[in-house]
Amino acid sequence: MQFRKNNRLLLKKDFDCVFENPKRTKDSNFTVLYKKNSKNYPRLGLIISKKNCKLASKRNRLKRIIRESFRNNISKLKGHDIVVLNKHTTYNNDTLVLIKSLMRHWIRISKEK
């Protein structure tokens, strides 16, 4: 599957809709907020804060990892709007640790009815 423009949360109102009354999953790396949408495909929004990750190269690395993990699991996440937020220690972790963390989040979301 590809990560297309329709799989991205782009507008403030879309983010606000997720923030209104979200379900959430947390671990030591990420907080993931999600909510059912009226579409038949998932959409991803990223909030990788400069406060929690100072260097732009590290922030961009996190974004690439999250997008790739989302793209690989798009078929499991049908009909959800998802916002991923990083924690202050996330950027130091190994890529494999981050991918496993995200996989646990995707599994929790996919089990949601």
PDB file of N, CA and C in Angstrom:
ATOM      1  N   MET A   1       0.839  -1.189   0.000  1.00  0.00           N
ATOM      2  CA  MET A   1       0.000   0.000   0.000  1.00  0.00           C
ATOM      3  C   MET A   1       0.881   1.248   0.000  1.00  0.00           C
ATOM      4  N   GLN A   2       0.320   2.330  -0.521  1.00  0.00           N
ATOM      5  CA  GLN A   2       1.036   3.592  -0.533  1.00  0.00           C
ATOM      6  C   GLN A   2       0.468   4.540   0.501  1.00  0.00           C
ATOM      7  N   PHE A   3       1.301   5.459   0.925  1.00  0.00           N
ATOM      8  CA  PHE A   3       0.882   6.520   1.832  1.00  0.00           C
ATOM      9  C   PHE A   3       0.517   7.718   0.973  1.00  0.00           C
ATOM     10  N   ARG A   4      -0.774   7.884   0.713  1.00  0.00           N
ATOM     11  CA  ARG A   4      -1.239   8.922  -0.199  1.00  0.00           C
ATOM     12  C   ARG A   4      -1.740  10.135   0.564  1.00  0.00           C
ATOM     13  N   LYS A   5      -2.042  11.161  -0.181  1.00  0.00           N
ATOM     14  CA  LYS A   5      -2.506  12.405   0.423  1.00  0.00           C
ATOM     15  C   LYS A   5      -3.821  12.209   1.180  1.00  0.00           C
ATOM     16  N   ASN A   6      -4.694  11.329   0.687  1.00  0.00           N
ATOM     17  CA  ASN A   6      -5.956  11.109   1.395  1.00  0.00           C
ATOM     18  C   ASN A   6      -5.769  10.312   2.689  1.00  0.00           C
ATOM     19  N   ASN A   7      -4.572   9.776   2.919  1.00  0.00           N
ATOM     20  CA  ASN A   7      -4.264   9.079   4.174  1.00  0.00           C
ATOM     21  C   ASN A   7      -3.626   9.995   5.209  1.00  0.00           C
ATOM     22  N   ARG A   8      -3.651  11.302   4.948  1.00  0.00           N
ATOM     23  CA  ARG A   8      -3.039  12.257   5.873  1.00  0.00           C
ATOM     24  C   ARG A   8      -4.099  13.174   6.457  1.00  0.00           C
ATOM     25  N   LEU A   9      -3.947  13.507   7.723  1.00  0.00           N
ATOM     26  CA  LEU A   9      -4.759  14.556   8.323  1.00  0.00           C
ATOM     27  C   LEU A   9      -4.056  15.862   7.993  1.00  0.00           C
ATOM     28  N   LEU A  10      -4.726  16.734   7.277  1.00  0.00           N
ATOM     29  CA  LEU A  10      -4.084  17.957   6.814  1.00  0.00           C
ATOM     30  C   LEU A  10      -4.675  19.219   7.434  1.00  0.00           C
ATOM     31  N   LEU A  11      -5.962  19.192   7.713  1.00  0.00           N
ATOM     32  CA  LEU A  11      -6.653  20.393   8.157  1.00  0.00           C
ATOM     33  C   LEU A  11      -6.787  20.456   9.666  1.00  0.00           C
ATOM     34  N   LYS A  12      -6.805  21.655  10.193  1.00  0.00           N
ATOM     35  CA  LYS A  12      -6.946  21.868  11.630  1.00  0.00           C
ATOM     36  C   LYS A  12      -8.249  21.254  12.142  1.00  0.00           C
ATOM     37  N   LYS A  13      -9.323  21.372  11.364  1.00  0.00           N
ATOM     38  CA  LYS A  13     -10.610  20.829  11.810  1.00  0.00           C
ATOM     39  C   LYS A  13     -10.552  19.305  11.929  1.00  0.00           C
ATOM     40  N   ASP A  14      -9.749  18.642  11.095  1.00  0.00           N
ATOM     41  CA  ASP A  14      -9.589  17.190  11.194  1.00  0.00           C
ATOM     42  C   ASP A  14      -8.840  16.813  12.474  1.00  0.00           C
ATOM     43  N   PHE A  15      -7.787  17.569  12.781  1.00  0.00           N
ATOM     44  CA  PHE A  15      -7.058  17.336  14.022  1.00  0.00           C
ATOM     45  C   PHE A  15      -7.960  17.612  15.222  1.00  0.00           C
ATOM     46  N   ASP A  16      -8.711  18.716  15.159  1.00  0.00           N
ATOM     47  CA  ASP A  16      -9.609  19.075  16.262  1.00  0.00           C
ATOM     48  C   ASP A  16     -10.653  18.003  16.503  1.00  0.00           C
ATOM     49  N   CYS A  17     -11.126  17.394  15.441  1.00  0.00           N
ATOM     50  CA  CYS A  17     -12.117  16.318  15.565  1.00  0.00           C
ATOM     51  C   CYS A  17     -11.538  15.143  16.356  1.00  0.00           C
ATOM     52  N   VAL A  18     -10.272  14.817  16.101  1.00  0.00           N
ATOM     53  CA  VAL A  18      -9.623  13.721  16.841  1.00  0.00           C
ATOM     54  C   VAL A  18      -9.398  14.131  18.302  1.00  0.00           C
ATOM     55  N   PHE A  19      -9.045  15.393  18.527  1.00  0.00           N
ATOM     56  CA  PHE A  19      -8.763  15.867  19.885  1.00  0.00           C
ATOM     57  C   PHE A  19     -10.015  16.053  20.732  1.00  0.00           C
ATOM     58  N   GLU A  20     -11.193  16.119  20.115  1.00  0.00           N
ATOM     59  CA  GLU A  20     -12.431  16.356  20.859  1.00  0.00           C
ATOM     60  C   GLU A  20     -12.682  15.319  21.943  1.00  0.00           C
ATOM     61  N   ASN A  21     -12.761  14.084  21.555  1.00  0.00           N
ATOM     62  CA  ASN A  21     -13.055  13.025  22.518  1.00  0.00           C
ATOM     63  C   ASN A  21     -12.344  11.745  22.073  1.00  0.00           C
ATOM     64  N   PRO A  22     -11.012  11.730  22.136  1.00  0.00           N
ATOM     65  CA  PRO A  22     -10.274  10.612  21.538  1.00  0.00           C
ATOM     66  C   PRO A  22     -10.171   9.400  22.455  1.00  0.00           C
ATOM     67  N   LYS A  23      -9.930   8.278  21.825  1.00  0.00           N
ATOM     68  CA  LYS A  23      -9.454   7.101  22.548  1.00  0.00           C
ATOM     69  C   LYS A  23      -7.949   7.193  22.432  1.00  0.00           C
ATOM     70  N   ARG A  24      -7.226   6.625  23.396  1.00  0.00           N
ATOM     71  CA  ARG A  24      -5.780   6.774  23.351  1.00  0.00           C
ATOM     72  C   ARG A  24      -5.068   5.511  23.798  1.00  0.00           C
ATOM     73  N   THR A  25      -3.871   5.359  23.271  1.00  0.00           N
ATOM     74  CA  THR A  25      -2.953   4.332  23.748  1.00  0.00           C
ATOM     75  C   THR A  25      -1.629   5.028  24.018  1.00  0.00           C
ATOM     76  N   LYS A  26      -0.955   4.587  25.067  1.00  0.00           N
ATOM     77  CA  LYS A  26       0.310   5.218  25.469  1.00  0.00           C
ATOM     78  C   LYS A  26       1.351   4.145  25.756  1.00  0.00           C
ATOM     79  N   ASP A  27       2.579   4.514  25.545  1.00  0.00           N
ATOM     80  CA  ASP A  27       3.712   3.750  26.052  1.00  0.00           C
ATOM     81  C   ASP A  27       4.860   4.729  26.276  1.00  0.00           C
ATOM     82  N   SER A  28       6.047   4.219  26.481  1.00  0.00           N
ATOM     83  CA  SER A  28       7.168   5.096  26.817  1.00  0.00           C
ATOM     84  C   SER A  28       7.653   5.939  25.630  1.00  0.00           C
ATOM     85  N   ASN A  29       7.238   5.589  24.417  1.00  0.00           N
ATOM     86  CA  ASN A  29       7.698   6.303  23.227  1.00  0.00           C
ATOM     87  C   ASN A  29       6.673   7.250  22.616  1.00  0.00           C
ATOM     88  N   PHE A  30       5.420   6.805  22.554  1.00  0.00           N
ATOM     89  CA  PHE A  30       4.400   7.570  21.851  1.00  0.00           C
ATOM     90  C   PHE A  30       3.093   7.602  22.624  1.00  0.00           C
ATOM     91  N   THR A  31       2.332   8.655  22.375  1.00  0.00           N
ATOM     92  CA  THR A  31       0.924   8.695  22.734  1.00  0.00           C
ATOM     93  C   THR A  31       0.174   8.737  21.413  1.00  0.00           C
ATOM     94  N   VAL A  32      -0.759   7.825  21.248  1.00  0.00           N
ATOM     95  CA  VAL A  32      -1.520   7.754  20.009  1.00  0.00           C
ATOM     96  C   VAL A  32      -2.987   8.016  20.332  1.00  0.00           C
ATOM     97  N   LEU A  33      -3.526   9.060  19.720  1.00  0.00           N
ATOM     98  CA  LEU A  33      -4.940   9.396  19.856  1.00  0.00           C
ATOM     99  C   LEU A  33      -5.640   8.927  18.591  1.00  0.00           C
ATOM    100  N   TYR A  34      -6.821   8.347  18.743  1.00  0.00           N
ATOM    101  CA  TYR A  34      -7.531   7.879  17.556  1.00  0.00           C
ATOM    102  C   TYR A  34      -9.027   7.973  17.751  1.00  0.00           C
ATOM    103  N   LYS A  35      -9.701   8.013  16.635  1.00  0.00           N
ATOM    104  CA  LYS A  35     -11.150   8.128  16.632  1.00  0.00           C
ATOM    105  C   LYS A  35     -11.670   7.556  15.320  1.00  0.00           C
ATOM    106  N   LYS A  36     -12.825   6.927  15.366  1.00  0.00           N
ATOM    107  CA  LYS A  36     -13.449   6.417  14.143  1.00  0.00           C
ATOM    108  C   LYS A  36     -13.758   7.569  13.209  1.00  0.00           C
ATOM    109  N   ASN A  37     -13.610   7.347  11.914  1.00  0.00           N
ATOM    110  CA  ASN A  37     -14.035   8.346  10.941  1.00  0.00           C
ATOM    111  C   ASN A  37     -15.109   7.758  10.045  1.00  0.00           C
ATOM    112  N   SER A  38     -15.701   8.581   9.224  1.00  0.00           N
ATOM    113  CA  SER A  38     -16.794   8.131   8.358  1.00  0.00           C
ATOM    114  C   SER A  38     -16.276   7.554   7.039  1.00  0.00           C
ATOM    115  N   LYS A  39     -14.993   7.525   6.864  1.00  0.00           N
ATOM    116  CA  LYS A  39     -14.401   7.037   5.631  1.00  0.00           C
ATOM    117  C   LYS A  39     -14.022   5.557   5.788  1.00  0.00           C
ATOM    118  N   ASN A  40     -13.683   4.947   4.699  1.00  0.00           N
ATOM    119  CA  ASN A  40     -13.314   3.534   4.717  1.00  0.00           C
ATOM    120  C   ASN A  40     -11.797   3.352   4.707  1.00  0.00           C
ATOM    121  N   TYR A  41     -11.066   4.405   5.012  1.00  0.00           N
ATOM    122  CA  TYR A  41      -9.606   4.332   5.020  1.00  0.00           C
ATOM    123  C   TYR A  41      -9.085   5.133   6.213  1.00  0.00           C
ATOM    124  N   PRO A  42      -7.901   4.762   6.719  1.00  0.00           N
ATOM    125  CA  PRO A  42      -7.337   5.473   7.869  1.00  0.00           C
ATOM    126  C   PRO A  42      -6.606   6.741   7.437  1.00  0.00           C
ATOM    127  N   ARG A  43      -6.498   7.685   8.374  1.00  0.00           N
ATOM    128  CA  ARG A  43      -5.736   8.913   8.119  1.00  0.00           C
ATOM    129  C   ARG A  43      -4.804   9.147   9.300  1.00  0.00           C
ATOM    130  N   LEU A  44      -3.603   9.612   8.999  1.00  0.00           N
ATOM    131  CA  LEU A  44      -2.561   9.799  10.004  1.00  0.00           C
ATOM    132  C   LEU A  44      -2.183  11.266  10.120  1.00  0.00           C
ATOM    133  N   GLY A  45      -2.068  11.726  11.359  1.00  0.00           N
ATOM    134  CA  GLY A  45      -1.546  13.058  11.644  1.00  0.00           C
ATOM    135  C   GLY A  45      -0.379  12.925  12.608  1.00  0.00           C
ATOM    136  N   LEU A  46       0.644  13.735  12.415  1.00  0.00           N
ATOM    137  CA  LEU A  46       1.834  13.671  13.263  1.00  0.00           C
ATOM    138  C   LEU A  46       2.013  14.972  14.027  1.00  0.00           C
ATOM    139  N   ILE A  47       2.329  14.847  15.300  1.00  0.00           N
ATOM    140  CA  ILE A  47       2.711  16.006  16.097  1.00  0.00           C
ATOM    141  C   ILE A  47       4.023  15.635  16.783  1.00  0.00           C
ATOM    142  N   ILE A  48       5.105  15.981  16.122  1.00  0.00           N
ATOM    143  CA  ILE A  48       6.443  15.692  16.629  1.00  0.00           C
ATOM    144  C   ILE A  48       7.003  17.025  17.116  1.00  0.00           C
ATOM    145  N   SER A  49       6.968  17.234  18.411  1.00  0.00           N
ATOM    146  CA  SER A  49       7.256  18.560  18.955  1.00  0.00           C
ATOM    147  C   SER A  49       8.748  18.856  19.049  1.00  0.00           C
ATOM    148  N   LYS A  50       9.055  20.107  18.781  1.00  0.00           N
ATOM    149  CA  LYS A  50      10.422  20.596  18.879  1.00  0.00           C
ATOM    150  C   LYS A  50      10.878  20.598  20.336  1.00  0.00           C
ATOM    151  N   LYS A  51       9.942  20.776  21.238  1.00  0.00           N
ATOM    152  CA  LYS A  51      10.258  20.779  22.664  1.00  0.00           C
ATOM    153  C   LYS A  51      10.793  19.413  23.111  1.00  0.00           C
ATOM    154  N   ASN A  52      10.205  18.343  22.558  1.00  0.00           N
ATOM    155  CA  ASN A  52      10.612  16.991  22.940  1.00  0.00           C
ATOM    156  C   ASN A  52      11.732  16.427  22.084  1.00  0.00           C
ATOM    157  N   CYS A  53      12.043  17.065  20.982  1.00  0.00           N
ATOM    158  CA  CYS A  53      13.064  16.566  20.065  1.00  0.00           C
ATOM    159  C   CYS A  53      13.696  17.766  19.363  1.00  0.00           C
ATOM    160  N   LYS A  54      14.803  18.246  19.879  1.00  0.00           N
ATOM    161  CA  LYS A  54      15.388  19.516  19.443  1.00  0.00           C
ATOM    162  C   LYS A  54      15.888  19.534  17.999  1.00  0.00           C
ATOM    163  N   LEU A  55      16.574  18.497  17.578  1.00  0.00           N
ATOM    164  CA  LEU A  55      17.198  18.505  16.256  1.00  0.00           C
ATOM    165  C   LEU A  55      16.212  18.121  15.149  1.00  0.00           C
ATOM    166  N   ALA A  56      16.197  18.909  14.088  1.00  0.00           N
ATOM    167  CA  ALA A  56      15.287  18.664  12.963  1.00  0.00           C
ATOM    168  C   ALA A  56      15.546  17.298  12.326  1.00  0.00           C
ATOM    169  N   SER A  57      16.793  16.894  12.259  1.00  0.00           N
ATOM    170  CA  SER A  57      17.117  15.602  11.650  1.00  0.00           C
ATOM    171  C   SER A  57      16.498  14.453  12.445  1.00  0.00           C
ATOM    172  N   LYS A  58      16.487  14.580  13.765  1.00  0.00           N
ATOM    173  CA  LYS A  58      15.869  13.552  14.628  1.00  0.00           C
ATOM    174  C   LYS A  58      14.352  13.553  14.466  1.00  0.00           C
ATOM    175  N   ARG A  59      13.750  14.759  14.385  1.00  0.00           N
ATOM    176  CA  ARG A  59      12.298  14.861  14.187  1.00  0.00           C
ATOM    177  C   ARG A  59      11.900  14.243  12.847  1.00  0.00           C
ATOM    178  N   ASN A  60      12.665  14.535  11.819  1.00  0.00           N
ATOM    179  CA  ASN A  60      12.371  13.985  10.494  1.00  0.00           C
ATOM    180  C   ASN A  60      12.520  12.469  10.469  1.00  0.00           C
ATOM    181  N   ARG A  61      13.501  11.952  11.177  1.00  0.00           N
ATOM    182  CA  ARG A  61      13.682  10.502  11.287  1.00  0.00           C
ATOM    183  C   ARG A  61      12.461   9.865  11.927  1.00  0.00           C
ATOM    184  N   LEU A  62      11.968  10.466  13.026  1.00  0.00           N
ATOM    185  CA  LEU A  62      10.767   9.942  13.688  1.00  0.00           C
ATOM    186  C   LEU A  62       9.573   9.939  12.737  1.00  0.00           C
ATOM    187  N   LYS A  63       9.408  11.019  11.997  1.00  0.00           N
ATOM    188  CA  LYS A  63       8.285  11.109  11.057  1.00  0.00           C
ATOM    189  C   LYS A  63       8.374  10.022   9.994  1.00  0.00           C
ATOM    190  N   ARG A  64       9.565   9.795   9.463  1.00  0.00           N
ATOM    191  CA  ARG A  64       9.739   8.749   8.448  1.00  0.00           C
ATOM    192  C   ARG A  64       9.398   7.374   9.006  1.00  0.00           C
ATOM    193  N   ILE A  65       9.851   7.097  10.216  1.00  0.00           N
ATOM    194  CA  ILE A  65       9.586   5.798  10.848  1.00  0.00           C
ATOM    195  C   ILE A  65       8.085   5.608  11.062  1.00  0.00           C
ATOM    196  N   ILE A  66       7.420   6.640  11.572  1.00  0.00           N
ATOM    197  CA  ILE A  66       5.981   6.544  11.843  1.00  0.00           C
ATOM    198  C   ILE A  66       5.200   6.356  10.549  1.00  0.00           C
ATOM    199  N   ARG A  67       5.517   7.150   9.532  1.00  0.00           N
ATOM    200  CA  ARG A  67       4.807   7.038   8.250  1.00  0.00           C
ATOM    201  C   ARG A  67       4.990   5.657   7.623  1.00  0.00           C
ATOM    202  N   GLU A  68       6.211   5.150   7.670  1.00  0.00           N
ATOM    203  CA  GLU A  68       6.484   3.839   7.077  1.00  0.00           C
ATOM    204  C   GLU A  68       5.747   2.735   7.828  1.00  0.00           C
ATOM    205  N   SER A  69       5.740   2.801   9.144  1.00  0.00           N
ATOM    206  CA  SER A  69       5.021   1.821   9.942  1.00  0.00           C
ATOM    207  C   SER A  69       3.517   1.898   9.646  1.00  0.00           C
ATOM    208  N   PHE A  70       2.993   3.106   9.558  1.00  0.00           N
ATOM    209  CA  PHE A  70       1.574   3.298   9.222  1.00  0.00           C
ATOM    210  C   PHE A  70       1.269   2.723   7.843  1.00  0.00           C
ATOM    211  N   ARG A  71       2.126   3.038   6.877  1.00  0.00           N
ATOM    212  CA  ARG A  71       1.922   2.563   5.510  1.00  0.00           C
ATOM    213  C   ARG A  71       1.884   1.037   5.447  1.00  0.00           C
ATOM    214  N   ASN A  72       2.756   0.380   6.226  1.00  0.00           N
ATOM    215  CA  ASN A  72       2.803  -1.079   6.233  1.00  0.00           C
ATOM    216  C   ASN A  72       1.587  -1.706   6.905  1.00  0.00           C
ATOM    217  N   ASN A  73       0.877  -0.935   7.720  1.00  0.00           N
ATOM    218  CA  ASN A  73      -0.266  -1.475   8.469  1.00  0.00           C
ATOM    219  C   ASN A  73      -1.586  -0.810   8.088  1.00  0.00           C
ATOM    220  N   ILE A  74      -1.609  -0.143   6.958  1.00  0.00           N
ATOM    221  CA  ILE A  74      -2.798   0.602   6.532  1.00  0.00           C
ATOM    222  C   ILE A  74      -4.033  -0.293   6.426  1.00  0.00           C
ATOM    223  N   SER A  75      -3.866  -1.514   5.974  1.00  0.00           N
ATOM    224  CA  SER A  75      -5.017  -2.400   5.772  1.00  0.00           C
ATOM    225  C   SER A  75      -5.675  -2.800   7.093  1.00  0.00           C
ATOM    226  N   LYS A  76      -4.936  -2.777   8.189  1.00  0.00           N
ATOM    227  CA  LYS A  76      -5.490  -3.142   9.506  1.00  0.00           C
ATOM    228  C   LYS A  76      -6.263  -2.006  10.159  1.00  0.00           C
ATOM    229  N   LEU A  77      -5.999  -0.777   9.751  1.00  0.00           N
ATOM    230  CA  LEU A  77      -6.487   0.398  10.476  1.00  0.00           C
ATOM    231  C   LEU A  77      -7.681   1.070   9.810  1.00  0.00           C
ATOM    232  N   LYS A  78      -8.475   0.338   9.089  1.00  0.00           N
ATOM    233  CA  LYS A  78      -9.577   0.931   8.316  1.00  0.00           C
ATOM    234  C   LYS A  78     -10.492   1.797   9.173  1.00  0.00           C
ATOM    235  N   GLY A  79     -10.791   2.988   8.639  1.00  0.00           N
ATOM    236  CA  GLY A  79     -11.796   3.841   9.250  1.00  0.00           C
ATOM    237  C   GLY A  79     -11.412   4.549  10.530  1.00  0.00           C
ATOM    238  N   HIS A  80     -10.135   4.863  10.734  1.00  0.00           N
ATOM    239  CA  HIS A  80      -9.709   5.597  11.921  1.00  0.00           C
ATOM    240  C   HIS A  80      -8.896   6.835  11.539  1.00  0.00           C
ATOM    241  N   ASP A  81      -9.111   7.896  12.296  1.00  0.00           N
ATOM    242  CA  ASP A  81      -8.224   9.052  12.235  1.00  0.00           C
ATOM    243  C   ASP A  81      -7.265   8.916  13.399  1.00  0.00           C
ATOM    244  N   ILE A  82      -5.978   9.005  13.133  1.00  0.00           N
ATOM    245  CA  ILE A  82      -4.946   8.723  14.137  1.00  0.00           C
ATOM    246  C   ILE A  82      -3.985   9.899  14.217  1.00  0.00           C
ATOM    247  N   VAL A  83      -3.679  10.314  15.451  1.00  0.00           N
ATOM    248  CA  VAL A  83      -2.676  11.352  15.674  1.00  0.00           C
ATOM    249  C   VAL A  83      -1.607  10.767  16.588  1.00  0.00           C
ATOM    250  N   VAL A  84      -0.349  10.836  16.158  1.00  0.00           N
ATOM    251  CA  VAL A  84       0.777  10.300  16.926  1.00  0.00           C
ATOM    252  C   VAL A  84       1.577  11.463  17.506  1.00  0.00           C
ATOM    253  N   LEU A  85       1.808  11.407  18.826  1.00  0.00           N
ATOM    254  CA  LEU A  85       2.612  12.415  19.518  1.00  0.00           C
ATOM    255  C   LEU A  85       3.833  11.726  20.107  1.00  0.00           C
ATOM    256  N   ASN A  86       4.980  12.406  20.042  1.00  0.00           N
ATOM    257  CA  ASN A  86       6.202  11.817  20.590  1.00  0.00           C
ATOM    258  C   ASN A  86       6.405  12.217  22.049  1.00  0.00           C
ATOM    259  N   LYS A  87       7.207  11.432  22.739  1.00  0.00           N
ATOM    260  CA  LYS A  87       7.589  11.757  24.110  1.00  0.00           C
ATOM    261  C   LYS A  87       9.038  12.254  24.096  1.00  0.00           C
ATOM    262  N   HIS A  88       9.493  12.798  25.204  1.00  0.00           N
ATOM    263  CA  HIS A  88      10.808  13.453  25.227  1.00  0.00           C
ATOM    264  C   HIS A  88      11.988  12.498  25.082  1.00  0.00           C
ATOM    265  N   THR A  89      11.794  11.200  25.293  1.00  0.00           N
ATOM    266  CA  THR A  89      12.906  10.247  25.156  1.00  0.00           C
ATOM    267  C   THR A  89      12.846   9.446  23.853  1.00  0.00           C
ATOM    268  N   THR A  90      11.848   9.670  23.053  1.00  0.00           N
ATOM    269  CA  THR A  90      11.619   8.855  21.858  1.00  0.00           C
ATOM    270  C   THR A  90      12.772   8.916  20.863  1.00  0.00           C
ATOM    271  N   TYR A  91      13.317  10.086  20.624  1.00  0.00           N
ATOM    272  CA  TYR A  91      14.317  10.256  19.561  1.00  0.00           C
ATOM    273  C   TYR A  91      15.614   9.490  19.829  1.00  0.00           C
ATOM    274  N   ASN A  92      15.883   9.116  21.072  1.00  0.00           N
ATOM    275  CA  ASN A  92      17.104   8.373  21.402  1.00  0.00           C
ATOM    276  C   ASN A  92      17.002   6.886  21.113  1.00  0.00           C
ATOM    277  N   ASN A  93      15.799   6.380  20.954  1.00  0.00           N
ATOM    278  CA  ASN A  93      15.609   4.942  20.810  1.00  0.00           C
ATOM    279  C   ASN A  93      15.990   4.431  19.432  1.00  0.00           C
ATOM    280  N   ASP A  94      16.312   3.165  19.411  1.00  0.00           N
ATOM    281  CA  ASP A  94      16.661   2.462  18.186  1.00  0.00           C
ATOM    282  C   ASP A  94      15.424   2.346  17.293  1.00  0.00           C
ATOM    283  N   THR A  95      15.619   2.300  16.001  1.00  0.00           N
ATOM    284  CA  THR A  95      14.519   2.216  15.046  1.00  0.00           C
ATOM    285  C   THR A  95      13.646   0.995  15.303  1.00  0.00           C
ATOM    286  N   LEU A  96      14.258  -0.135  15.591  1.00  0.00           N
ATOM    287  CA  LEU A  96      13.499  -1.367  15.828  1.00  0.00           C
ATOM    288  C   LEU A  96      12.585  -1.231  17.046  1.00  0.00           C
ATOM    289  N   VAL A  97      13.058  -0.572  18.090  1.00  0.00           N
ATOM    290  CA  VAL A  97      12.245  -0.344  19.290  1.00  0.00           C
ATOM    291  C   VAL A  97      11.029   0.512  18.939  1.00  0.00           C
ATOM    292  N   LEU A  98      11.233   1.540  18.135  1.00  0.00           N
ATOM    293  CA  LEU A  98      10.138   2.420  17.745  1.00  0.00           C
ATOM    294  C   LEU A  98       9.117   1.694  16.873  1.00  0.00           C
ATOM    295  N   ILE A  99       9.591   0.876  15.966  1.00  0.00           N
ATOM    296  CA  ILE A  99       8.691   0.123  15.088  1.00  0.00           C
ATOM    297  C   ILE A  99       7.849  -0.855  15.904  1.00  0.00           C
ATOM    298  N   LYS A 100       8.455  -1.533  16.856  1.00  0.00           N
ATOM    299  CA  LYS A 100       7.703  -2.464  17.713  1.00  0.00           C
ATOM    300  C   LYS A 100       6.674  -1.724  18.553  1.00  0.00           C
ATOM    301  N   SER A 101       7.044  -0.568  19.055  1.00  0.00           N
ATOM    302  CA  SER A 101       6.124   0.251  19.831  1.00  0.00           C
ATOM    303  C   SER A 101       4.913   0.648  18.986  1.00  0.00           C
ATOM    304  N   LEU A 102       5.168   1.133  17.779  1.00  0.00           N
ATOM    305  CA  LEU A 102       4.082   1.528  16.889  1.00  0.00           C
ATOM    306  C   LEU A 102       3.210   0.336  16.511  1.00  0.00           C
ATOM    307  N   MET A 103       3.828  -0.813  16.314  1.00  0.00           N
ATOM    308  CA  MET A 103       3.074  -2.021  15.966  1.00  0.00           C
ATOM    309  C   MET A 103       2.077  -2.366  17.064  1.00  0.00           C
ATOM    310  N   ARG A 104       2.500  -2.224  18.327  1.00  0.00           N
ATOM    311  CA  ARG A 104       1.574  -2.484  19.444  1.00  0.00           C
ATOM    312  C   ARG A 104       0.394  -1.515  19.409  1.00  0.00           C
ATOM    313  N   HIS A 105       0.666  -0.253  19.074  1.00  0.00           N
ATOM    314  CA  HIS A 105      -0.417   0.734  18.964  1.00  0.00           C
ATOM    315  C   HIS A 105      -1.366   0.368  17.824  1.00  0.00           C
ATOM    316  N   TRP A 106      -0.827   0.002  16.668  1.00  0.00           N
ATOM    317  CA  TRP A 106      -1.677  -0.332  15.517  1.00  0.00           C
ATOM    318  C   TRP A 106      -2.552  -1.532  15.842  1.00  0.00           C
ATOM    319  N   ILE A 107      -2.011  -2.520  16.550  1.00  0.00           N
ATOM    320  CA  ILE A 107      -2.790  -3.703  16.922  1.00  0.00           C
ATOM    321  C   ILE A 107      -3.938  -3.322  17.834  1.00  0.00           C
ATOM    322  N   ARG A 108      -3.669  -2.477  18.829  1.00  0.00           N
ATOM    323  CA  ARG A 108      -4.731  -2.017  19.750  1.00  0.00           C
ATOM    324  C   ARG A 108      -5.828  -1.285  18.995  1.00  0.00           C
ATOM    325  N   ILE A 109      -5.439  -0.444  18.058  1.00  0.00           N
ATOM    326  CA  ILE A 109      -6.419   0.333  17.289  1.00  0.00           C
ATOM    327  C   ILE A 109      -7.227  -0.596  16.385  1.00  0.00           C
ATOM    328  N   SER A 110      -6.576  -1.560  15.764  1.00  0.00           N
ATOM    329  CA  SER A 110      -7.282  -2.459  14.843  1.00  0.00           C
ATOM    330  C   SER A 110      -8.291  -3.338  15.570  1.00  0.00           C
ATOM    331  N   LYS A 111      -8.068  -3.621  16.843  1.00  0.00           N
ATOM    332  CA  LYS A 111      -9.016  -4.426  17.628  1.00  0.00           C
ATOM    333  C   LYS A 111     -10.238  -3.623  18.045  1.00  0.00           C
ATOM    334  N   GLU A 112     -10.144  -2.303  17.957  1.00  0.00           N
ATOM    335  CA  GLU A 112     -11.245  -1.407  18.334  1.00  0.00           C
ATOM    336  C   GLU A 112     -12.366  -1.542  17.310  1.00  0.00           C
ATOM    337  N   LYS A 113     -13.555  -1.705  17.783  1.00  0.00           N
ATOM    338  CA  LYS A 113     -14.735  -1.819  16.893  1.00  0.00           C
ATOM    339  C   LYS A 113     -15.415  -0.493  16.717  1.00  0.00           C
TER     340      LYS A 113
END
